[in-house]
């Protein structure tokens, strides 16, 4: 499960994407992410789908905007779609919880 802190940018990461045939890290894939609510509607505050960029060793990263229209206590989902450099397809759907990050003042 991913925790998104309201009012904070959040790093999103897909680790070790590998080619299903060669079992080698796929560094040339096209990877995108979208955050949706429980009804399947895209969350406002970001342009979707968000392109994830290759970092190293098949790890892809993107940053979610700090001002996504999300609410503490609700569950959302991040959907990640990958098209490998050989045309292979991958799809992941993970729950996202939203929380406040307490800065010591009691408000965030």
Protein backbone atom coordinates (compact mmCIF):
# COMPACT_ATOMS: atom_id res chain seq x y z
CA UNK A 1 0.00 0.00 0.00
CA UNK A 2 1.21 3.49 -0.86
CA UNK A 3 0.77 6.42 1.52
CA UNK A 4 0.27 9.83 -0.04
CA UNK A 5 0.68 12.77 2.36
CA UNK A 6 -1.85 15.51 1.63
CA UNK A 7 -0.16 18.74 0.58
CA UNK A 8 3.14 17.01 -0.18
CA UNK A 9 4.72 15.82 -3.41
CA UNK A 10 5.01 12.04 -3.45
CA UNK A 11 7.59 9.93 -5.24
CA UNK A 12 6.15 6.96 -7.08
CA UNK A 13 8.41 4.07 -8.03
CA UNK A 14 8.15 0.85 -10.02
CA UNK A 15 11.12 -1.30 -9.10
CA UNK A 16 13.04 -3.76 -11.25
CA UNK A 17 10.93 -3.97 -14.38
CA UNK A 18 12.26 -6.99 -16.26
CA UNK A 19 11.70 -8.48 -19.69
CA UNK A 20 9.60 -11.65 -19.32
CA UNK A 21 11.58 -13.47 -22.02
CA UNK A 22 15.16 -12.52 -21.14
CA UNK A 23 14.69 -11.82 -17.40
CA UNK A 24 16.93 -8.76 -17.86
CA UNK A 25 16.05 -5.26 -16.58
CA UNK A 26 14.00 -3.41 -19.20
CA UNK A 27 15.49 0.06 -19.43
CA UNK A 28 13.59 1.11 -22.56
CA UNK A 29 9.98 0.57 -21.50
CA UNK A 30 7.19 3.11 -21.60
CA UNK A 31 5.71 3.34 -18.11
CA UNK A 32 2.79 5.52 -17.02
CA UNK A 33 0.80 6.00 -13.83
CA UNK A 34 -2.66 7.32 -13.01
CA UNK A 35 -4.28 7.90 -9.61
CA UNK A 36 -8.02 7.15 -9.48
CA UNK A 37 -10.72 7.25 -6.84
CA UNK A 38 -12.80 4.21 -5.90
CA UNK A 39 -15.26 4.93 -8.73
CA UNK A 40 -12.40 4.81 -11.27
CA UNK A 41 -12.34 8.56 -11.89
CA UNK A 42 -8.96 10.21 -12.36
CA UNK A 43 -7.98 12.48 -9.46
CA UNK A 44 -7.72 16.18 -10.33
CA UNK A 45 -4.48 18.10 -9.87
CA UNK A 46 -2.18 16.28 -12.29
CA UNK A 47 -2.11 15.57 -16.01
CA UNK A 48 -2.75 11.85 -16.57
CA UNK A 49 -1.30 9.52 -17.49
CA UNK A 50 1.92 10.56 -15.77
CA UNK A 51 5.06 9.32 -17.54
CA UNK A 52 7.50 7.50 -15.29
CA UNK A 53 11.15 7.85 -16.28
CA UNK A 54 13.82 5.16 -16.11
CA UNK A 55 16.34 5.74 -13.34
CA UNK A 56 18.57 2.68 -13.15
CA UNK A 57 18.35 -1.11 -13.35
CA UNK A 58 14.75 -1.21 -14.55
CA UNK A 59 13.47 1.18 -11.85
CA UNK A 60 11.03 3.84 -13.05
CA UNK A 61 10.08 6.97 -11.08
CA UNK A 62 7.64 9.87 -11.19
CA UNK A 63 6.56 12.60 -8.77
CA UNK A 64 2.92 13.15 -7.89
CA UNK A 65 1.95 16.81 -7.46
CA UNK A 66 1.52 18.19 -3.93
CA UNK A 67 -1.94 19.56 -4.68
CA UNK A 68 -3.76 16.43 -5.87
CA UNK A 69 -7.47 16.62 -5.04
CA UNK A 70 -7.45 13.85 -2.45
CA UNK A 71 -9.00 13.53 1.01
CA UNK A 72 -7.54 12.11 4.20
CA UNK A 73 -9.09 8.79 5.15
CA UNK A 74 -10.26 7.87 1.65
CA UNK A 75 -8.74 5.09 -0.41
CA UNK A 76 -7.54 5.68 -3.94
CA UNK A 77 -5.69 3.50 -6.43
CA UNK A 78 -2.58 4.02 -8.52
CA UNK A 79 -2.62 2.20 -11.82
CA UNK A 80 0.73 1.64 -13.51
CA UNK A 81 0.93 0.45 -17.11
CA UNK A 82 4.14 -0.66 -18.77
CA UNK A 83 4.90 -1.50 -22.36
CA UNK A 84 8.27 -3.21 -22.54
CA UNK A 85 10.85 -2.46 -25.19
CA UNK A 86 9.79 -5.71 -26.92
CA UNK A 87 6.07 -4.85 -26.76
CA UNK A 88 5.30 -6.85 -23.61
CA UNK A 89 2.50 -5.45 -21.43
CA UNK A 90 2.30 -5.09 -17.67
CA UNK A 91 -0.34 -3.63 -15.35
CA UNK A 92 -0.34 -3.01 -11.59
CA UNK A 93 -3.09 -1.56 -9.41
CA UNK A 94 -2.17 -0.66 -5.84
CA UNK A 95 -4.25 0.97 -3.10
CA UNK A 96 -3.27 4.46 -1.95
CA UNK A 97 -4.14 5.89 1.45
CA UNK A 98 -4.07 9.60 2.17
CA UNK A 99 -2.77 10.95 5.47
CA UNK A 100 -1.69 14.24 6.99
CA UNK A 101 2.00 14.69 7.67
CA UNK A 102 2.22 16.17 11.12
CA UNK A 103 4.80 18.93 11.30
CA UNK A 104 4.59 19.29 15.09
CA UNK A 105 2.06 22.12 15.01
CA UNK A 106 -0.96 19.87 14.73
CA UNK A 107 -1.87 21.28 11.31
CA UNK A 108 -0.80 20.27 7.86
